[in-house]
PDB file of N, CA and C in Angstrom:
ATOM      1  N   MET A   1     -20.287   3.000  38.244  1.00  0.00           N
ATOM      2  CA  MET A   1     -21.087   3.444  37.223  1.00  0.00           C
ATOM      3  C   MET A   1     -20.572   4.392  36.384  1.00  0.00           C
ATOM      4  N   THR A   2     -19.945   5.495  37.074  1.00  0.00           N
ATOM      5  CA  THR A   2     -19.432   6.377  36.228  1.00  0.00           C
ATOM      6  C   THR A   2     -18.319   6.088  35.397  1.00  0.00           C
ATOM      7  N   ASN A   3     -17.542   5.030  35.606  1.00  0.00           N
ATOM      8  CA  ASN A   3     -16.222   4.549  35.054  1.00  0.00           C
ATOM      9  C   ASN A   3     -16.968   3.812  33.800  1.00  0.00           C
ATOM     10  N   ARG A   4     -18.095   3.175  34.000  1.00  0.00           N
ATOM     11  CA  ARG A   4     -18.683   2.214  32.981  1.00  0.00           C
ATOM     12  C   ARG A   4     -19.177   3.164  31.778  1.00  0.00           C
ATOM     13  N   ILE A   5     -19.710   4.267  32.099  1.00  0.00           N
ATOM     14  CA  ILE A   5     -20.078   5.452  31.250  1.00  0.00           C
ATOM     15  C   ILE A   5     -18.957   5.966  30.475  1.00  0.00           C
ATOM     16  N   ALA A   6     -17.985   6.351  31.264  1.00  0.00           N
ATOM     17  CA  ALA A   6     -16.776   6.798  30.465  1.00  0.00           C
ATOM     18  C   ALA A   6     -16.103   5.821  29.622  1.00  0.00           C
ATOM     19  N   VAL A   7     -16.189   4.546  29.705  1.00  0.00           N
ATOM     20  CA  VAL A   7     -15.637   3.353  28.989  1.00  0.00           C
ATOM     21  C   VAL A   7     -16.357   3.588  27.589  1.00  0.00           C
ATOM     22  N   VAL A   8     -17.823   3.438  27.910  1.00  0.00           N
ATOM     23  CA  VAL A   8     -18.450   3.580  26.851  1.00  0.00           C
ATOM     24  C   VAL A   8     -18.495   4.687  25.757  1.00  0.00           C
ATOM     25  N   LEU A   9     -18.620   5.883  26.254  1.00  0.00           N
ATOM     26  CA  LEU A   9     -18.334   6.944  25.700  1.00  0.00           C
ATOM     27  C   LEU A   9     -16.985   7.152  24.756  1.00  0.00           C
ATOM     28  N   VAL A  10     -15.912   6.661  25.397  1.00  0.00           N
ATOM     29  CA  VAL A  10     -14.613   6.591  24.758  1.00  0.00           C
ATOM     30  C   VAL A  10     -14.707   5.560  23.494  1.00  0.00           C
ATOM     31  N   ALA A  11     -15.306   4.478  23.754  1.00  0.00           N
ATOM     32  CA  ALA A  11     -15.451   3.524  22.755  1.00  0.00           C
ATOM     33  C   ALA A  11     -16.331   3.963  21.530  1.00  0.00           C
ATOM     34  N   ILE A  12     -17.388   4.829  21.775  1.00  0.00           N
ATOM     35  CA  ILE A  12     -18.378   5.150  20.806  1.00  0.00           C
ATOM     36  C   ILE A  12     -17.369   6.380  20.135  1.00  0.00           C
ATOM     37  N   LEU A  13     -16.705   7.130  20.753  1.00  0.00           N
ATOM     38  CA  LEU A  13     -16.043   8.370  20.005  1.00  0.00           C
ATOM     39  C   LEU A  13     -14.779   7.678  19.246  1.00  0.00           C
ATOM     40  N   VAL A  14     -14.132   6.543  19.520  1.00  0.00           N
ATOM     41  CA  VAL A  14     -13.256   6.090  18.845  1.00  0.00           C
ATOM     42  C   VAL A  14     -13.828   5.217  17.349  1.00  0.00           C
ATOM     43  N   ALA A  15     -15.047   4.854  17.600  1.00  0.00           N
ATOM     44  CA  ALA A  15     -15.550   4.085  16.535  1.00  0.00           C
ATOM     45  C   ALA A  15     -16.093   4.879  15.454  1.00  0.00           C
ATOM     46  N   MET A  16     -16.556   6.380  15.897  1.00  0.00           N
ATOM     47  CA  MET A  16     -17.169   7.318  14.903  1.00  0.00           C
ATOM     48  C   MET A  16     -16.368   8.295  14.530  1.00  0.00           C
ATOM     49  N   PRO A  17     -16.707   9.099  13.442  1.00  0.00           N
ATOM     50  CA  PRO A  17     -15.795  10.151  13.062  1.00  0.00           C
ATOM     51  C   PRO A  17     -15.811  11.100  13.931  1.00  0.00           C
ATOM     52  N   ASN A  18     -15.135  12.186  13.922  1.00  0.00           N
ATOM     53  CA  ASN A  18     -14.908  13.244  15.078  1.00  0.00           C
ATOM     54  C   ASN A  18     -15.682  14.328  14.433  1.00  0.00           C
ATOM     55  N   ILE A  19     -15.737  15.593  14.763  1.00  0.00           N
ATOM     56  CA  ILE A  19     -16.511  16.707  14.354  1.00  0.00           C
ATOM     57  C   ILE A  19     -15.918  17.174  13.160  1.00  0.00           C
ATOM     58  N   PHE A  20     -14.580  16.872  12.824  1.00  0.00           N
ATOM     59  CA  PHE A  20     -14.002  17.367  11.655  1.00  0.00           C
ATOM     60  C   PHE A  20     -14.199  16.425  10.451  1.00  0.00           C
ATOM     61  N   GLY A  21     -15.114  15.383  10.532  1.00  0.00           N
ATOM     62  CA  GLY A  21     -15.091  14.346   9.630  1.00  0.00           C
ATOM     63  C   GLY A  21     -14.170  13.436   9.540  1.00  0.00           C
ATOM     64  N   GLN A  22     -13.112  13.357  10.377  1.00  0.00           N
ATOM     65  CA  GLN A  22     -12.242  12.271  10.472  1.00  0.00           C
ATOM     66  C   GLN A  22     -12.178  11.215  11.787  1.00  0.00           C
ATOM     67  N   GLY A  23     -12.203  10.379  11.675  1.00  0.00           N
ATOM     68  CA  GLY A  23     -12.258   8.989  12.420  1.00  0.00           C
ATOM     69  C   GLY A  23     -10.716   8.670  12.938  1.00  0.00           C
ATOM     70  N   VAL A  24     -10.772   7.793  13.726  1.00  0.00           N
ATOM     71  CA  VAL A  24      -9.455   7.369  14.213  1.00  0.00           C
ATOM     72  C   VAL A  24      -9.062   6.578  12.869  1.00  0.00           C
ATOM     73  N   PRO A  25      -7.733   6.849  12.223  1.00  0.00           N
ATOM     74  CA  PRO A  25      -7.304   6.187  11.078  1.00  0.00           C
ATOM     75  C   PRO A  25      -7.052   4.645  11.197  1.00  0.00           C
ATOM     76  N   ARG A  26      -7.702   4.073  10.327  1.00  0.00           N
ATOM     77  CA  ARG A  26      -7.429   2.501  10.231  1.00  0.00           C
ATOM     78  C   ARG A  26      -6.826   1.977   9.324  1.00  0.00           C
ATOM     79  N   GLU A  27      -5.730   1.196   9.448  1.00  0.00           N
ATOM     80  CA  GLU A  27      -4.687   0.793   8.489  1.00  0.00           C
ATOM     81  C   GLU A  27      -5.409   0.163   7.189  1.00  0.00           C
ATOM     82  N   THR A  28      -5.041   0.642   6.270  1.00  0.00           N
ATOM     83  CA  THR A  28      -5.638   0.057   5.246  1.00  0.00           C
ATOM     84  C   THR A  28      -4.402   0.077   4.086  1.00  0.00           C
ATOM     85  N   THR A  29      -4.885  -0.826   3.172  1.00  0.00           N
ATOM     86  CA  THR A  29      -3.875  -0.816   1.929  1.00  0.00           C
ATOM     87  C   THR A  29      -4.286   0.294   1.047  1.00  0.00           C
ATOM     88  N   GLN A  30      -3.372   1.213   0.587  1.00  0.00           N
ATOM     89  CA  GLN A  30      -3.729   2.336  -0.288  1.00  0.00           C
ATOM     90  C   GLN A  30      -2.578   3.034  -0.936  1.00  0.00           C
ATOM     91  N   ARG A  31      -2.831   3.655  -2.244  1.00  0.00           N
ATOM     92  CA  ARG A  31      -2.007   4.293  -2.862  1.00  0.00           C
ATOM     93  C   ARG A  31      -2.350   6.124  -2.736  1.00  0.00           C
ATOM     94  N   ILE A  32      -1.215   6.359  -2.235  1.00  0.00           N
ATOM     95  CA  ILE A  32      -1.418   7.862  -1.874  1.00  0.00           C
ATOM     96  C   ILE A  32      -0.645   8.838  -3.131  1.00  0.00           C
ATOM     97  N   PRO A  33      -1.362   9.503  -3.763  1.00  0.00           N
ATOM     98  CA  PRO A  33      -0.670  10.308  -4.898  1.00  0.00           C
ATOM     99  C   PRO A  33       0.174  11.376  -4.132  1.00  0.00           C
ATOM    100  N   GLN A  34       1.419  11.398  -4.792  1.00  0.00           N
ATOM    101  CA  GLN A  34       2.501  12.521  -4.264  1.00  0.00           C
ATOM    102  C   GLN A  34       2.796  13.688  -5.392  1.00  0.00           C
ATOM    103  N   PHE A  35       2.866  13.453  -6.456  1.00  0.00           N
ATOM    104  CA  PHE A  35       3.295  14.328  -7.500  1.00  0.00           C
ATOM    105  C   PHE A  35       3.130  13.769  -8.821  1.00  0.00           C
ATOM    106  N   GLU A  36       2.723  14.435  -9.741  1.00  0.00           N
ATOM    107  CA  GLU A  36       2.737  14.125 -11.119  1.00  0.00           C
ATOM    108  C   GLU A  36       2.737  15.328 -12.239  1.00  0.00           C
ATOM    109  N   ASN A  37       3.571  15.245 -13.364  1.00  0.00           N
ATOM    110  CA  ASN A  37       3.719  16.025 -14.188  1.00  0.00           C
ATOM    111  C   ASN A  37       3.971  15.246 -15.652  1.00  0.00           C
ATOM    112  N   ASP A  38       4.403  15.676 -16.650  1.00  0.00           N
ATOM    113  CA  ASP A  38       4.443  15.239 -18.167  1.00  0.00           C
ATOM    114  C   ASP A  38       5.343  14.068 -18.114  1.00  0.00           C
ATOM    115  N   ARG A  39       6.341  13.914 -17.172  1.00  0.00           N
ATOM    116  CA  ARG A  39       7.324  13.145 -17.155  1.00  0.00           C
ATOM    117  C   ARG A  39       7.357  11.825 -16.232  1.00  0.00           C
ATOM    118  N   VAL A  40       6.634  12.092 -14.949  1.00  0.00           N
ATOM    119  CA  VAL A  40       6.671  11.096 -14.096  1.00  0.00           C
ATOM    120  C   VAL A  40       5.295  11.003 -13.253  1.00  0.00           C
ATOM    121  N   LYS A  41       4.977   9.904 -12.681  1.00  0.00           N
ATOM    122  CA  LYS A  41       4.098  10.054 -11.663  1.00  0.00           C
ATOM    123  C   LYS A  41       4.678   9.309 -10.301  1.00  0.00           C
ATOM    124  N   VAL A  42       4.297   9.848  -9.367  1.00  0.00           N
ATOM    125  CA  VAL A  42       4.736   9.535  -8.053  1.00  0.00           C
ATOM    126  C   VAL A  42       3.766   9.300  -6.839  1.00  0.00           C
ATOM    127  N   TRP A  43       3.909   8.167  -6.380  1.00  0.00           N
ATOM    128  CA  TRP A  43       2.720   7.770  -5.459  1.00  0.00           C
ATOM    129  C   TRP A  43       3.352   7.025  -4.310  1.00  0.00           C
ATOM    130  N   LYS A  44       2.854   7.041  -3.118  1.00  0.00           N
ATOM    131  CA  LYS A  44       3.495   6.147  -1.938  1.00  0.00           C
ATOM    132  C   LYS A  44       2.443   4.940  -1.914  1.00  0.00           C
ATOM    133  N   SER A  45       2.874   3.705  -1.794  1.00  0.00           N
ATOM    134  CA  SER A  45       2.125   2.648  -1.463  1.00  0.00           C
ATOM    135  C   SER A  45       2.165   2.336  -0.184  1.00  0.00           C
ATOM    136  N   VAL A  46       1.082   2.004   0.648  1.00  0.00           N
ATOM    137  CA  VAL A  46       1.202   1.363   1.907  1.00  0.00           C
ATOM    138  C   VAL A  46       0.202  -0.118   1.791  1.00  0.00           C
ATOM    139  N   ILE A  47       0.905  -0.957   1.925  1.00  0.00           N
ATOM    140  CA  ILE A  47       0.416  -2.531   1.680  1.00  0.00           C
ATOM    141  C   ILE A  47       0.502  -3.078   3.082  1.00  0.00           C
ATOM    142  N   VAL A  48      -0.540  -3.113   3.719  1.00  0.00           N
ATOM    143  CA  VAL A  48      -0.842  -3.711   5.039  1.00  0.00           C
ATOM    144  C   VAL A  48      -0.871  -4.998   4.878  1.00  0.00           C
ATOM    145  N   SER A  49      -0.414  -5.798   6.188  1.00  0.00           N
ATOM    146  CA  SER A  49      -0.554  -7.380   5.909  1.00  0.00           C
ATOM    147  C   SER A  49      -1.933  -7.857   5.885  1.00  0.00           C
ATOM    148  N   GLY A  50      -2.100  -8.843   4.992  1.00  0.00           N
ATOM    149  CA  GLY A  50      -3.363  -9.164   4.625  1.00  0.00           C
ATOM    150  C   GLY A  50      -4.358  -8.444   3.766  1.00  0.00           C
ATOM    151  N   GLY A  51      -3.795  -7.297   3.313  1.00  0.00           N
ATOM    152  CA  GLY A  51      -4.446  -6.010   2.430  1.00  0.00           C
ATOM    153  C   GLY A  51      -3.982  -6.125   1.219  1.00  0.00           C
ATOM    154  N   PRO A  52      -4.299  -7.051   0.263  1.00  0.00           N
ATOM    155  CA  PRO A  52      -3.651  -7.383  -0.978  1.00  0.00           C
ATOM    156  C   PRO A  52      -4.085  -5.975  -2.025  1.00  0.00           C
ATOM    157  N   LEU A  53      -3.212  -5.608  -3.018  1.00  0.00           N
ATOM    158  CA  LEU A  53      -3.590  -4.447  -3.758  1.00  0.00           C
ATOM    159  C   LEU A  53      -4.442  -5.141  -4.914  1.00  0.00           C
ATOM    160  N   THR A  54      -5.357  -4.688  -5.383  1.00  0.00           N
ATOM    161  CA  THR A  54      -6.210  -5.234  -6.486  1.00  0.00           C
ATOM    162  C   THR A  54      -5.443  -5.398  -7.690  1.00  0.00           C
ATOM    163  N   PRO A  55      -6.074  -6.226  -8.559  1.00  0.00           N
ATOM    164  CA  PRO A  55      -5.229  -6.688  -9.801  1.00  0.00           C
ATOM    165  C   PRO A  55      -5.242  -5.197 -10.807  1.00  0.00           C
ATOM    166  N   HIS A  56      -3.662  -5.288 -11.107  1.00  0.00           N
ATOM    167  CA  HIS A  56      -3.438  -4.094 -11.783  1.00  0.00           C
ATOM    168  C   HIS A  56      -2.140  -4.457 -12.712  1.00  0.00           C
ATOM    169  N   ARG A  57      -1.838  -3.539 -13.595  1.00  0.00           N
ATOM    170  CA  ARG A  57      -0.587  -3.628 -14.404  1.00  0.00           C
ATOM    171  C   ARG A  57       0.156  -2.286 -14.494  1.00  0.00           C
ATOM    172  N   HIS A  58       1.352  -2.309 -14.893  1.00  0.00           N
ATOM    173  CA  HIS A  58       2.188  -1.201 -14.951  1.00  0.00           C
ATOM    174  C   HIS A  58       2.503  -1.099 -16.586  1.00  0.00           C
ATOM    175  N   ASP A  59       2.097   0.022 -17.135  1.00  0.00           N
ATOM    176  CA  ASP A  59       2.569   0.241 -18.476  1.00  0.00           C
ATOM    177  C   ASP A  59       3.826   0.959 -18.690  1.00  0.00           C
ATOM    178  N   HIS A  60       4.615   1.385 -17.770  1.00  0.00           N
ATOM    179  CA  HIS A  60       5.741   2.036 -17.803  1.00  0.00           C
ATOM    180  C   HIS A  60       6.609   1.487 -16.936  1.00  0.00           C
ATOM    181  N   GLY A  61       8.008   1.636 -16.954  1.00  0.00           N
ATOM    182  CA  GLY A  61       9.131   1.417 -15.949  1.00  0.00           C
ATOM    183  C   GLY A  61       8.939   2.293 -14.824  1.00  0.00           C
ATOM    184  N   ARG A  62       9.372   1.863 -13.719  1.00  0.00           N
ATOM    185  CA  ARG A  62       9.160   2.666 -12.359  1.00  0.00           C
ATOM    186  C   ARG A  62      10.370   2.144 -11.555  1.00  0.00           C
ATOM    187  N   THR A  63      10.801   3.244 -10.574  1.00  0.00           N
ATOM    188  CA  THR A  63      11.590   3.004  -9.380  1.00  0.00           C
ATOM    189  C   THR A  63      10.869   2.805  -8.219  1.00  0.00           C
ATOM    190  N   ILE A  64      11.096   1.898  -7.431  1.00  0.00           N
ATOM    191  CA  ILE A  64      10.501   1.613  -6.150  1.00  0.00           C
ATOM    192  C   ILE A  64      11.716   1.971  -5.035  1.00  0.00           C
ATOM    193  N   VAL A  65      11.421   2.809  -3.950  1.00  0.00           N
ATOM    194  CA  VAL A  65      12.229   3.122  -2.800  1.00  0.00           C
ATOM    195  C   VAL A  65      11.414   2.561  -1.743  1.00  0.00           C
ATOM    196  N   ALA A  66      12.077   1.740  -1.124  1.00  0.00           N
ATOM    197  CA  ALA A  66      11.535   1.023   0.225  1.00  0.00           C
ATOM    198  C   ALA A  66      11.570   1.778   1.382  1.00  0.00           C
ATOM    199  N   LEU A  67      10.455   2.403   1.861  1.00  0.00           N
ATOM    200  CA  LEU A  67      10.433   3.224   3.026  1.00  0.00           C
ATOM    201  C   LEU A  67      10.423   2.329   4.316  1.00  0.00           C
ATOM    202  N   VAL A  68       9.669   1.206   3.991  1.00  0.00           N
ATOM    203  CA  VAL A  68       9.339   0.264   5.087  1.00  0.00           C
ATOM    204  C   VAL A  68       9.580  -0.954   4.378  1.00  0.00           C
ATOM    205  N   GLY A  69      10.790  -1.748   4.206  1.00  0.00           N
ATOM    206  CA  GLY A  69      10.810  -2.944   3.343  1.00  0.00           C
ATOM    207  C   GLY A  69      10.223  -4.276   3.783  1.00  0.00           C
ATOM    208  N   GLY A  70      10.361  -5.252   2.999  1.00  0.00           N
ATOM    209  CA  GLY A  70       9.746  -6.352   3.448  1.00  0.00           C
ATOM    210  C   GLY A  70       9.449  -7.515   2.097  1.00  0.00           C
ATOM    211  N   ASP A  71       9.028  -8.612   2.332  1.00  0.00           N
ATOM    212  CA  ASP A  71       8.750  -9.502   1.105  1.00  0.00           C
ATOM    213  C   ASP A  71       7.333  -9.469   0.747  1.00  0.00           C
ATOM    214  N   LEU A  72       7.071  -9.037  -0.479  1.00  0.00           N
ATOM    215  CA  LEU A  72       5.858  -8.946  -1.136  1.00  0.00           C
ATOM    216  C   LEU A  72       5.790 -10.067  -2.206  1.00  0.00           C
ATOM    217  N   LYS A  73       4.679 -10.805  -2.132  1.00  0.00           N
ATOM    218  CA  LYS A  73       4.175 -11.825  -3.110  1.00  0.00           C
ATOM    219  C   LYS A  73       3.346 -11.000  -4.228  1.00  0.00           C
ATOM    220  N   VAL A  74       4.055 -11.546  -5.469  1.00  0.00           N
ATOM    221  CA  VAL A  74       3.391 -10.784  -6.731  1.00  0.00           C
ATOM    222  C   VAL A  74       2.640 -12.120  -7.610  1.00  0.00           C
ATOM    223  N   VAL A  75       1.396 -11.954  -7.491  1.00  0.00           N
ATOM    224  CA  VAL A  75       0.827 -13.007  -8.158  1.00  0.00           C
ATOM    225  C   VAL A  75       0.045 -12.648  -9.479  1.00  0.00           C
ATOM    226  N   LYS A  76       0.412 -13.513 -10.557  1.00  0.00           N
ATOM    227  CA  LYS A  76      -0.144 -12.865 -12.074  1.00  0.00           C
ATOM    228  C   LYS A  76      -1.288 -13.685 -12.108  1.00  0.00           C
ATOM    229  N   GLU A  77      -2.350 -13.185 -13.191  1.00  0.00           N
ATOM    230  CA  GLU A  77      -3.411 -13.889 -13.400  1.00  0.00           C
ATOM    231  C   GLU A  77      -3.384 -15.337 -13.784  1.00  0.00           C
ATOM    232  N   SER A  78      -2.124 -15.586 -14.225  1.00  0.00           N
ATOM    233  CA  SER A  78      -2.132 -17.016 -14.560  1.00  0.00           C
ATOM    234  C   SER A  78      -1.850 -17.960 -13.352  1.00  0.00           C
ATOM    235  N   GLY A  79      -1.544 -17.214 -12.288  1.00  0.00           N
ATOM    236  CA  GLY A  79      -1.368 -18.109 -10.979  1.00  0.00           C
ATOM    237  C   GLY A  79       0.198 -17.972 -10.546  1.00  0.00           C
ATOM    238  N   GLN A  80       1.048 -17.686 -11.620  1.00  0.00           N
ATOM    239  CA  GLN A  80       2.356 -17.904 -11.218  1.00  0.00           C
ATOM    240  C   GLN A  80       2.816 -16.662 -10.128  1.00  0.00           C
ATOM    241  N   THR A  81       3.334 -17.107  -9.194  1.00  0.00           N
ATOM    242  CA  THR A  81       3.791 -16.373  -8.010  1.00  0.00           C
ATOM    243  C   THR A  81       5.288 -16.176  -7.961  1.00  0.00           C
ATOM    244  N   THR A  82       5.635 -14.928  -7.524  1.00  0.00           N
ATOM    245  CA  THR A  82       7.018 -14.708  -7.306  1.00  0.00           C
ATOM    246  C   THR A  82       6.966 -13.875  -5.943  1.00  0.00           C
ATOM    247  N   VAL A  83       8.125 -13.993  -5.274  1.00  0.00           N
ATOM    248  CA  VAL A  83       8.339 -13.104  -3.937  1.00  0.00           C
ATOM    249  C   VAL A  83       9.429 -12.148  -4.360  1.00  0.00           C
ATOM    250  N   VAL A  84       9.164 -10.808  -3.933  1.00  0.00           N
ATOM    251  CA  VAL A  84      10.227  -9.873  -4.140  1.00  0.00           C
ATOM    252  C   VAL A  84      10.350  -9.391  -2.895  1.00  0.00           C
ATOM    253  N   HIS A  85      11.879  -9.207  -2.545  1.00  0.00           N
ATOM    254  CA  HIS A  85      12.334  -8.801  -1.314  1.00  0.00           C
ATOM    255  C   HIS A  85      12.785  -7.052  -1.354  1.00  0.00           C
ATOM    256  N   TRP A  86      12.259  -6.378  -0.458  1.00  0.00           N
ATOM    257  CA  TRP A  86      12.502  -4.891  -0.766  1.00  0.00           C
ATOM    258  C   TRP A  86      13.213  -4.451   0.625  1.00  0.00           C
ATOM    259  N   GLU A  87      14.324  -4.149   0.588  1.00  0.00           N
ATOM    260  CA  GLU A  87      15.171  -3.837   1.676  1.00  0.00           C
ATOM    261  C   GLU A  87      14.915  -2.276   2.056  1.00  0.00           C
ATOM    262  N   THR A  88      14.860  -1.987   3.451  1.00  0.00           N
ATOM    263  CA  THR A  88      14.493  -0.447   4.066  1.00  0.00           C
ATOM    264  C   THR A  88      15.569   0.099   3.285  1.00  0.00           C
ATOM    265  N   GLY A  89      15.161   1.344   2.821  1.00  0.00           N
ATOM    266  CA  GLY A  89      16.245   2.398   2.482  1.00  0.00           C
ATOM    267  C   GLY A  89      16.820   2.204   1.106  1.00  0.00           C
ATOM    268  N   LYS A  90      16.363   1.138   0.315  1.00  0.00           N
ATOM    269  CA  LYS A  90      17.125   0.782  -0.987  1.00  0.00           C
ATOM    270  C   LYS A  90      15.982   1.055  -2.077  1.00  0.00           C
ATOM    271  N   ALA A  91      16.685   1.289  -3.258  1.00  0.00           N
ATOM    272  CA  ALA A  91      15.785   1.776  -4.511  1.00  0.00           C
ATOM    273  C   ALA A  91      15.839   0.331  -5.416  1.00  0.00           C
ATOM    274  N   TYR A  92      15.056   0.289  -6.209  1.00  0.00           N
ATOM    275  CA  TYR A  92      14.731  -0.871  -7.296  1.00  0.00           C
ATOM    276  C   TYR A  92      14.242  -0.361  -8.552  1.00  0.00           C
ATOM    277  N   TRP A  93      14.545  -1.107  -9.599  1.00  0.00           N
ATOM    278  CA  TRP A  93      14.230  -0.810 -11.025  1.00  0.00           C
ATOM    279  C   TRP A  93      13.264  -1.663 -11.225  1.00  0.00           C
ATOM    280  N   LEU A  94      11.910  -1.444 -11.766  1.00  0.00           N
ATOM    281  CA  LEU A  94      11.265  -2.496 -12.271  1.00  0.00           C
ATOM    282  C   LEU A  94      10.643  -2.065 -13.638  1.00  0.00           C
ATOM    283  N   ALA A  95      10.810  -3.187 -14.641  1.00  0.00           N
ATOM    284  CA  ALA A  95      10.316  -2.789 -15.939  1.00  0.00           C
ATOM    285  C   ALA A  95       8.865  -2.658 -16.043  1.00  0.00           C
ATOM    286  N   ARG A  96       8.326  -2.360 -17.112  1.00  0.00           N
ATOM    287  CA  ARG A  96       6.835  -2.352 -17.572  1.00  0.00           C
ATOM    288  C   ARG A  96       6.530  -3.749 -17.550  1.00  0.00           C
ATOM    289  N   ASP A  97       5.189  -3.997 -17.475  1.00  0.00           N
ATOM    290  CA  ASP A  97       4.677  -5.122 -17.566  1.00  0.00           C
ATOM    291  C   ASP A  97       4.131  -5.725 -18.724  1.00  0.00           C
ATOM    292  N   PRO A  98       4.528  -7.128 -19.295  1.00  0.00           N
ATOM    293  CA  PRO A  98       4.173  -7.350 -20.573  1.00  0.00           C
ATOM    294  C   PRO A  98       2.668  -7.002 -20.973  1.00  0.00           C
ATOM    295  N   PRO A  99       2.485  -6.666 -22.213  1.00  0.00           N
ATOM    296  CA  PRO A  99       0.948  -6.231 -22.468  1.00  0.00           C
ATOM    297  C   PRO A  99      -0.061  -7.248 -22.124  1.00  0.00           C
ATOM    298  N   GLY A 100      -1.146  -6.678 -21.555  1.00  0.00           N
ATOM    299  CA  GLY A 100      -2.536  -7.622 -21.134  1.00  0.00           C
ATOM    300  C   GLY A 100      -2.149  -8.442 -19.975  1.00  0.00           C
ATOM    301  N   GLU A 101      -1.212  -8.341 -19.287  1.00  0.00           N
ATOM    302  CA  GLU A 101      -0.720  -8.906 -17.947  1.00  0.00           C
ATOM    303  C   GLU A 101      -1.093  -8.183 -16.714  1.00  0.00           C
ATOM    304  N   LEU A 102      -2.065  -8.717 -15.929  1.00  0.00           N
ATOM    305  CA  LEU A 102      -2.475  -8.199 -14.525  1.00  0.00           C
ATOM    306  C   LEU A 102      -1.845  -8.967 -13.356  1.00  0.00           C
ATOM    307  N   HIS A 103      -1.489  -8.284 -12.264  1.00  0.00           N
ATOM    308  CA  HIS A 103      -0.833  -9.165 -11.061  1.00  0.00           C
ATOM    309  C   HIS A 103      -1.686  -8.313 -10.005  1.00  0.00           C
ATOM    310  N   LYS A 104      -1.460  -8.894  -8.902  1.00  0.00           N
ATOM    311  CA  LYS A 104      -1.839  -8.463  -7.483  1.00  0.00           C
ATOM    312  C   LYS A 104      -0.642  -8.578  -6.513  1.00  0.00           C
ATOM    313  N   ASP A 105      -0.534  -7.607  -5.862  1.00  0.00           N
ATOM    314  CA  ASP A 105       0.510  -7.684  -4.658  1.00  0.00           C
ATOM    315  C   ASP A 105       0.015  -8.035  -3.397  1.00  0.00           C
ATOM    316  N   ILE A 106       0.492  -9.003  -2.802  1.00  0.00           N
ATOM    317  CA  ILE A 106      -0.033  -9.625  -1.386  1.00  0.00           C
ATOM    318  C   ILE A 106       1.082  -9.503  -0.445  1.00  0.00           C
ATOM    319  N   ASN A 107       0.865  -9.033   0.649  1.00  0.00           N
ATOM    320  CA  ASN A 107       1.554  -8.819   1.915  1.00  0.00           C
ATOM    321  C   ASN A 107       1.223  -9.778   2.843  1.00  0.00           C
ATOM    322  N   ASP A 108       1.823 -10.853   3.170  1.00  0.00           N
ATOM    323  CA  ASP A 108       1.408 -11.868   4.285  1.00  0.00           C
ATOM    324  C   ASP A 108       2.533 -12.042   5.045  1.00  0.00           C
ATOM    325  N   THR A 109       3.346 -10.842   5.392  1.00  0.00           N
ATOM    326  CA  THR A 109       4.593 -10.782   6.333  1.00  0.00           C
ATOM    327  C   THR A 109       4.131 -10.402   7.819  1.00  0.00           C
ATOM    328  N   GLY A 110       2.840  -9.939   8.100  1.00  0.00           N
ATOM    329  CA  GLY A 110       2.807  -9.612   9.362  1.00  0.00           C
ATOM    330  C   GLY A 110       3.044  -8.246   9.908  1.00  0.00           C
ATOM    331  N   LYS A 111       3.629  -7.502   8.839  1.00  0.00           N
ATOM    332  CA  LYS A 111       3.890  -6.140   9.070  1.00  0.00           C
ATOM    333  C   LYS A 111       3.554  -5.323   7.931  1.00  0.00           C
ATOM    334  N   THR A 112       3.326  -3.974   7.923  1.00  0.00           N
ATOM    335  CA  THR A 112       3.046  -2.968   6.781  1.00  0.00           C
ATOM    336  C   THR A 112       4.422  -2.805   5.991  1.00  0.00           C
ATOM    337  N   ILE A 113       4.220  -2.992   4.555  1.00  0.00           N
ATOM    338  CA  ILE A 113       5.239  -2.270   3.914  1.00  0.00           C
ATOM    339  C   ILE A 113       4.843  -1.208   3.325  1.00  0.00           C
ATOM    340  N   GLU A 114       5.813  -0.227   3.038  1.00  0.00           N
ATOM    341  CA  GLU A 114       5.558   1.270   2.578  1.00  0.00           C
ATOM    342  C   GLU A 114       6.834   1.578   1.325  1.00  0.00           C
ATOM    343  N   VAL A 115       6.268   1.878   0.270  1.00  0.00           N
ATOM    344  CA  VAL A 115       7.260   2.166  -0.782  1.00  0.00           C
ATOM    345  C   VAL A 115       6.789   3.291  -1.568  1.00  0.00           C
ATOM    346  N   MET A 116       7.864   4.038  -2.068  1.00  0.00           N
ATOM    347  CA  MET A 116       7.427   5.397  -2.654  1.00  0.00           C
ATOM    348  C   MET A 116       7.794   4.786  -4.322  1.00  0.00           C
ATOM    349  N   VAL A 117       6.859   5.047  -5.398  1.00  0.00           N
ATOM    350  CA  VAL A 117       6.913   4.636  -6.361  1.00  0.00           C
ATOM    351  C   VAL A 117       7.194   5.975  -7.375  1.00  0.00           C
ATOM    352  N   VAL A 118       8.065   6.025  -8.439  1.00  0.00           N
ATOM    353  CA  VAL A 118       8.360   6.861  -9.294  1.00  0.00           C
ATOM    354  C   VAL A 118       8.242   6.273 -10.784  1.00  0.00           C
ATOM    355  N   GLU A 119       7.159   6.594 -11.433  1.00  0.00           N
ATOM    356  CA  GLU A 119       6.923   5.761 -12.722  1.00  0.00           C
ATOM    357  C   GLU A 119       7.088   6.923 -13.893  1.00  0.00           C
ATOM    358  N   MET A 120       8.044   6.282 -14.836  1.00  0.00           N
ATOM    359  CA  MET A 120       8.205   7.084 -15.878  1.00  0.00           C
ATOM    360  C   MET A 120       7.108   7.184 -16.896  1.00  0.00           C
ATOM    361  N   LYS A 121       7.168   8.197 -17.534  1.00  0.00           N
ATOM    362  CA  LYS A 121       5.866   8.253 -18.488  1.00  0.00           C
ATOM    363  C   LYS A 121       6.476   8.181 -19.873  1.00  0.00           C
TER     364      LYS A 121
END
């Protein structure tokens, strides 16, 4: 009986926030701000498997540094799909998006992809 109570208590603690307002981190697709000034904006993108980024666009050129690389599917509003391959530890230049064009990024590789983005202003 005591072991069952302990298992239930552990399950409850894992499922709810702790006393500091933080729960057990759940992996989600997210953009984490790093730095911004009048010339650049820098963020880390964590793109989990099955967790697409919402439709967006890039008005400025940017450098991508793959912290954890992989293949990312880029789907334009028109339905046109391309797959980009980012190798861990390599940097890539991406030009600004054409005016009015939105896209979403989809990771269906089964692993989390992480990139640092340095966007020129």
